[in-house]
Amino acid sequence: MDLAVEIVDRYDAECVPEEFRGNKLSYITDKTVSKNCTRYLKVQKHMKAPIYIYYQLDNYYQNHRRYVKSRSDQQLLHGLKYSRTSSCEPEEFDNGLPIVPCGLIAWSLFNDTFTFFRERTKVRVSRKNIAWKSDRDHKFGKNVYPYNFQNGTLVGGSELDPRIPLSEEEDLIVWMRTAALPSFRKLYGRIEEDLEQGDVVVVNLMNNYNTYSFGGMKKLVLSTSSWLGGRNDFLGIAYLVVGSSSIIISIIFMLLHMKNPRPYGDNSWNKKSISG
């Protein structure tokens, strides 16, 4: 059976320069400090393409009620034709005009970037079709452009190209599908060539995204998939717990029924209900 092969590298702590280790927040907010970082990933087992690239965030509550509500699905689809954006507070207006896209979810868009090399040769990475097709076709407008996104005094995460419509801003589309748990992964791209056992993948990354202000963690994940899909320990554990619980409950009900079986043809409960 082919099993998924996975490489996980936590980089948020290692990518902070030594002089900022005691004040990581100062490092990430200082625009004069370089955010370049190099990581080395050793391939332990053969990895067959496509190899999926994820970024993983821990201790990040995308399911917070105020955060989840801070968006406008109608604006994402129709742009300025839809003027009611009160749900996007506090990221709603810029100089009196609605921000497109508005809301805290879009404003906090992940903006770390990754480039991969093997033996000084750039690895082929595809960043197309990383979002659900249904989202691209039906939830984000083909004629809606982020003309004033991140133009305010308080800039959040990544910027968007104002010349590209939201339906093609796949990083945004992936990010806007919020996670239910405080630890989650989102697809960044796909490596389109095999990686051999013993290969060392050099990752040049830009450590831009601020998780230091709330104690969050950032990880880079390379993963293949099997016929069962990718590796996901949480789902496996959840399925085992739910399945085991169902079996135990079924056994308990069966034992109770065997101990106190209801006589065949007993309709005394019906007679009592009628007489009552």
Protein backbone atom coordinates (compact mmCIF):
# COMPACT_ATOMS: atom_id res chain seq x y z
CA MET A 1 0.00 0.00 0.00
CA ASP A 2 1.33 3.44 -0.94
CA LEU A 3 1.30 5.73 2.09
CA ALA A 4 1.56 9.48 2.04
CA VAL A 5 5.04 10.86 2.69
CA GLU A 6 5.26 14.10 4.61
CA ILE A 7 7.91 16.65 5.60
CA VAL A 8 6.98 19.20 8.28
CA ASP A 9 9.26 22.11 9.14
CA ARG A 10 8.46 24.72 11.79
CA TYR A 11 10.20 27.92 10.78
CA ASP A 12 8.68 30.83 12.74
CA ALA A 13 11.22 30.63 15.57
CA GLU A 14 14.29 29.63 13.53
CA CYS A 15 13.79 32.46 11.03
CA VAL A 16 14.10 35.18 13.67
CA PRO A 17 17.63 36.71 13.80
CA GLU A 18 19.59 36.09 16.98
CA GLU A 19 19.43 39.71 18.10
CA PHE A 20 15.61 39.64 18.02
CA ARG A 21 15.08 36.31 19.80
CA GLY A 22 14.05 38.17 22.95
CA ASN A 23 11.63 40.44 21.10
CA LYS A 24 10.15 38.66 18.10
CA LEU A 25 7.33 41.15 17.75
CA SER A 26 9.83 43.96 17.22
CA TYR A 27 11.46 41.90 14.47
CA ILE A 28 8.28 41.20 12.51
CA THR A 29 6.98 44.78 12.72
CA ASP A 30 10.30 46.45 11.77
CA LYS A 31 10.14 46.98 8.00
CA THR A 32 13.86 47.77 7.83
CA VAL A 33 14.83 44.26 8.94
CA SER A 34 15.17 41.63 6.22
CA LYS A 35 12.61 38.82 6.41
CA ASN A 36 14.58 36.46 4.15
CA CYS A 37 15.19 33.01 5.58
CA THR A 38 16.67 29.76 4.23
CA ARG A 39 15.55 26.31 5.35
CA TYR A 40 16.93 22.88 4.36
CA LEU A 41 14.54 19.95 4.06
CA LYS A 42 15.96 16.44 3.66
CA VAL A 43 13.78 13.94 1.80
CA GLN A 44 13.65 10.70 3.80
CA LYS A 45 11.56 8.70 1.30
CA HIS A 46 10.83 8.95 -2.41
CA MET A 47 8.08 11.53 -2.99
CA LYS A 48 6.09 11.14 -6.18
CA ALA A 49 4.67 14.23 -7.89
CA PRO A 50 2.41 16.02 -7.40
CA ILE A 51 3.79 16.99 -4.00
CA TYR A 52 1.44 19.32 -2.17
CA ILE A 53 2.82 22.40 -0.43
CA TYR A 54 0.88 23.59 2.61
CA TYR A 55 1.44 26.28 5.19
CA GLN A 56 0.25 25.32 8.64
CA LEU A 57 -0.78 27.78 11.34
CA ASP A 58 -1.20 26.76 14.99
CA ASN A 59 -2.96 28.67 17.77
CA TYR A 60 -4.77 30.71 15.12
CA TYR A 61 -8.50 31.01 15.73
CA GLN A 62 -10.09 31.60 12.35
CA ASN A 63 -13.31 30.33 13.93
CA HIS A 64 -13.61 33.34 16.27
CA ARG A 65 -17.16 34.69 15.94
CA ARG A 66 -16.21 38.28 15.13
CA TYR A 67 -13.53 37.18 12.69
CA VAL A 68 -15.79 34.76 10.81
CA LYS A 69 -18.54 37.39 10.44
CA SER A 70 -16.17 40.09 9.16
CA ARG A 71 -16.72 39.54 5.44
CA SER A 72 -19.26 40.20 2.70
CA ASP A 73 -19.98 37.27 0.42
CA GLN A 74 -22.16 39.44 -1.79
CA GLN A 75 -19.38 41.98 -2.25
CA LEU A 76 -16.90 39.22 -3.13
CA LEU A 77 -19.24 38.20 -5.92
CA HIS A 78 -20.67 41.56 -7.06
CA GLY A 79 -18.10 44.16 -5.93
CA LEU A 80 -19.27 47.76 -5.57
CA LYS A 81 -22.67 46.83 -6.99
CA TYR A 82 -23.38 45.58 -3.47
CA SER A 83 -23.10 48.53 -1.08
CA ARG A 84 -24.13 47.02 2.27
CA THR A 85 -20.85 46.05 3.92
CA SER A 86 -21.62 46.66 7.61
CA SER A 87 -20.70 43.02 8.35
CA CYS A 88 -17.10 43.85 7.40
CA GLU A 89 -16.42 46.08 10.40
CA PRO A 90 -13.84 47.22 11.36
CA GLU A 91 -12.22 46.81 7.90
CA GLU A 92 -15.06 48.32 5.91
CA PHE A 93 -14.14 51.71 4.40
CA ASP A 94 -11.05 53.50 3.08
CA ASN A 95 -11.41 57.24 2.44
CA GLY A 96 -15.18 56.85 2.39
CA LEU A 97 -15.20 54.05 -0.19
CA PRO A 98 -15.86 50.36 0.54
CA ILE A 99 -12.68 48.29 0.70
CA VAL A 100 -12.69 45.48 -1.87
CA PRO A 101 -12.50 42.85 -0.50
CA CYS A 102 -13.60 44.11 2.91
CA GLY A 103 -13.43 42.46 6.33
CA LEU A 104 -10.90 41.03 8.75
CA ILE A 105 -10.53 37.68 6.98
CA ALA A 106 -9.32 39.23 3.73
CA TRP A 107 -7.31 41.88 5.59
CA SER A 108 -5.32 39.18 7.44
CA LEU A 109 -4.40 37.25 4.27
CA PHE A 110 -1.32 35.05 4.73
CA ASN A 111 1.73 36.57 3.02
CA ASP A 112 4.76 34.35 3.59
CA THR A 113 6.25 33.18 0.29
CA PHE A 114 8.34 30.12 -0.60
CA THR A 115 10.80 29.29 -3.39
CA PHE A 116 12.28 25.80 -3.72
CA PHE A 117 15.64 24.64 -5.11
CA ARG A 118 17.34 21.26 -5.54
CA GLU A 119 21.05 21.25 -6.35
CA ARG A 120 20.84 24.94 -7.32
CA THR A 121 18.05 24.21 -9.78
CA LYS A 122 14.70 25.82 -9.15
CA VAL A 123 11.97 23.27 -8.46
CA ARG A 124 8.85 23.52 -10.62
CA VAL A 125 5.91 24.70 -8.52
CA SER A 126 2.37 25.20 -9.79
CA ARG A 127 0.21 27.75 -8.00
CA LYS A 128 -2.80 27.31 -10.26
CA ASN A 129 -6.01 25.49 -9.29
CA ILE A 130 -5.20 25.48 -5.58
CA ALA A 131 -8.69 26.77 -4.73
CA TRP A 132 -11.95 24.92 -5.14
CA LYS A 133 -13.39 25.34 -8.63
CA SER A 134 -16.85 25.98 -7.19
CA ASP A 135 -15.43 28.90 -5.19
CA ARG A 136 -13.65 30.37 -8.20
CA ASP A 137 -16.68 30.08 -10.45
CA HIS A 138 -19.53 30.97 -8.12
CA LYS A 139 -18.32 32.83 -5.02
CA PHE A 140 -15.76 35.34 -6.32
CA GLY A 141 -16.57 37.80 -9.07
CA LYS A 142 -14.87 37.71 -12.46
CA ASN A 143 -15.33 41.49 -12.75
CA VAL A 144 -14.52 42.41 -9.15
CA TYR A 145 -11.08 43.95 -8.68
CA PRO A 146 -9.24 44.72 -5.39
CA TYR A 147 -8.61 48.32 -6.39
CA ASN A 148 -8.09 49.71 -2.87
CA PHE A 149 -7.12 46.65 -0.81
CA GLN A 150 -4.53 47.24 1.98
CA ASN A 151 -4.43 50.98 1.20
CA GLY A 152 -5.23 52.02 4.77
CA THR A 153 -2.85 53.13 7.48
CA LEU A 154 -3.01 49.75 9.22
CA VAL A 155 -1.91 47.05 6.76
CA GLY A 156 -2.73 43.44 7.59
CA GLY A 157 -1.27 40.59 5.57
CA SER A 158 -0.70 40.13 1.85
CA GLU A 159 -1.52 42.62 -0.89
CA LEU A 160 -3.52 41.80 -4.03
CA ASP A 161 -2.85 42.81 -7.62
CA PRO A 162 -5.58 45.36 -8.48
CA ARG A 163 -5.41 44.23 -12.14
CA ILE A 164 -6.45 40.65 -11.34
CA PRO A 165 -10.12 39.86 -10.55
CA LEU A 166 -11.02 38.14 -7.30
CA SER A 167 -11.99 34.95 -9.16
CA GLU A 168 -8.29 34.53 -10.06
CA GLU A 169 -6.85 35.54 -6.68
CA GLU A 170 -6.47 31.93 -5.57
CA ASP A 171 -4.44 32.63 -2.42
CA LEU A 172 -7.31 34.82 -1.23
CA ILE A 173 -9.93 32.23 -2.16
CA VAL A 174 -8.09 29.52 -0.22
CA TRP A 175 -7.66 31.82 2.79
CA MET A 176 -11.31 32.92 2.83
CA ARG A 177 -12.47 29.34 3.43
CA THR A 178 -12.01 29.65 7.19
CA ALA A 179 -10.83 26.75 9.36
CA ALA A 180 -12.89 25.25 12.18
CA LEU A 181 -9.91 24.39 14.38
CA PRO A 182 -7.05 26.52 15.77
CA SER A 183 -4.50 24.35 13.95
CA PHE A 184 -5.00 24.17 10.19
CA ARG A 185 -3.29 23.80 6.84
CA LYS A 186 -3.95 25.64 3.61
CA LEU A 187 -2.73 24.72 0.16
CA TYR A 188 0.04 26.93 -1.23
CA GLY A 189 0.93 25.04 -4.42
CA ARG A 190 2.16 21.79 -5.93
CA ILE A 191 5.67 20.59 -6.78
CA GLU A 192 5.45 19.09 -10.26
CA GLU A 193 8.48 16.78 -10.11
CA ASP A 194 9.48 13.77 -8.03
CA LEU A 195 11.82 14.16 -5.07
CA GLU A 196 14.24 11.29 -4.44
CA GLN A 197 15.32 9.85 -1.13
CA GLY A 198 18.33 11.78 0.17
CA ASP A 199 17.55 14.95 -1.79
CA VAL A 200 17.98 18.21 0.08
CA VAL A 201 15.39 20.82 -0.81
CA VAL A 202 16.53 24.39 -0.15
CA VAL A 203 13.64 26.69 0.72
CA ASN A 204 14.08 30.44 0.39
CA LEU A 205 11.20 32.01 2.23
CA MET A 206 9.98 35.45 3.23
CA ASN A 207 8.95 35.37 6.88
CA ASN A 208 6.41 38.21 6.64
CA TYR A 209 3.34 36.98 8.47
CA ASN A 210 2.91 38.12 12.06
CA THR A 211 2.00 35.25 14.36
CA TYR A 212 4.31 36.49 17.10
CA SER A 213 1.82 38.92 18.62
CA PHE A 214 -0.48 36.05 19.71
CA GLY A 215 1.95 33.16 20.15
CA GLY A 216 1.09 31.41 16.90
CA MET A 217 3.31 28.93 15.08
CA LYS A 218 4.07 28.57 11.36
CA LYS A 219 5.07 25.39 9.58
CA LEU A 220 5.86 24.45 6.01
CA VAL A 221 4.52 21.07 4.92
CA LEU A 222 5.40 18.99 1.86
CA SER A 223 3.11 16.01 1.42
CA THR A 224 2.27 13.40 -1.17
CA SER A 225 -1.12 11.72 -1.29
CA SER A 226 -2.22 8.09 -1.36
CA TRP A 227 -5.49 6.52 -2.51
CA LEU A 228 -6.81 7.50 0.94
CA GLY A 229 -5.69 11.10 0.47
CA GLY A 230 -3.03 12.99 2.43
CA ARG A 231 -1.89 12.43 5.97
CA ASN A 232 -4.23 13.86 8.59
CA ASP A 233 -3.78 12.52 12.11
CA PHE A 234 -6.74 14.48 13.45
CA LEU A 235 -9.22 12.90 11.05
CA GLY A 236 -7.87 9.42 11.74
CA ILE A 237 -8.13 9.90 15.50
CA ALA A 238 -11.59 11.46 15.17
CA TYR A 239 -12.85 8.55 13.06
CA LEU A 240 -11.47 6.02 15.57
CA VAL A 241 -13.01 7.82 18.54
CA VAL A 242 -16.43 8.23 16.89
CA GLY A 243 -16.41 4.66 15.57
CA SER A 244 -15.34 3.17 18.91
CA SER A 245 -17.95 5.24 20.77
CA SER A 246 -20.68 4.05 18.41
CA ILE A 247 -19.67 0.40 18.91
CA ILE A 248 -19.59 0.76 22.70
CA ILE A 249 -23.00 2.46 22.79
CA SER A 250 -24.44 -0.24 20.51
CA ILE A 251 -23.11 -2.98 22.80
CA ILE A 252 -24.58 -1.26 25.88
CA PHE A 253 -28.02 -0.98 24.28
CA MET A 254 -27.84 -4.61 23.13
CA LEU A 255 -26.96 -5.82 26.65
CA LEU A 256 -29.76 -3.75 28.17
CA HIS A 257 -32.22 -5.18 25.68
CA MET A 258 -31.07 -8.74 26.37
CA LYS A 259 -31.37 -8.20 30.12
CA ASN A 260 -34.84 -6.65 29.99
CA PRO A 261 -36.40 -7.69 26.70
CA ARG A 262 -39.79 -6.36 25.82
CA PRO A 263 -42.34 -9.19 25.46
CA TYR A 264 -43.38 -9.92 21.89
CA GLY A 265 -46.70 -8.29 21.06
CA ASP A 266 -46.67 -6.16 24.22
CA ASN A 267 -48.71 -3.03 23.53
CA SER A 268 -49.37 -2.07 27.11
CA TRP A 269 -47.82 1.36 26.55
CA ASN A 270 -50.42 2.01 23.88
CA LYS A 271 -53.30 0.96 26.14
CA LYS A 272 -52.01 3.23 28.90
CA SER A 273 -51.76 6.18 26.55
CA ILE A 274 -55.33 5.59 25.30
CA SER A 275 -56.79 5.19 28.79
CA GLY A 276 -54.89 8.28 29.95
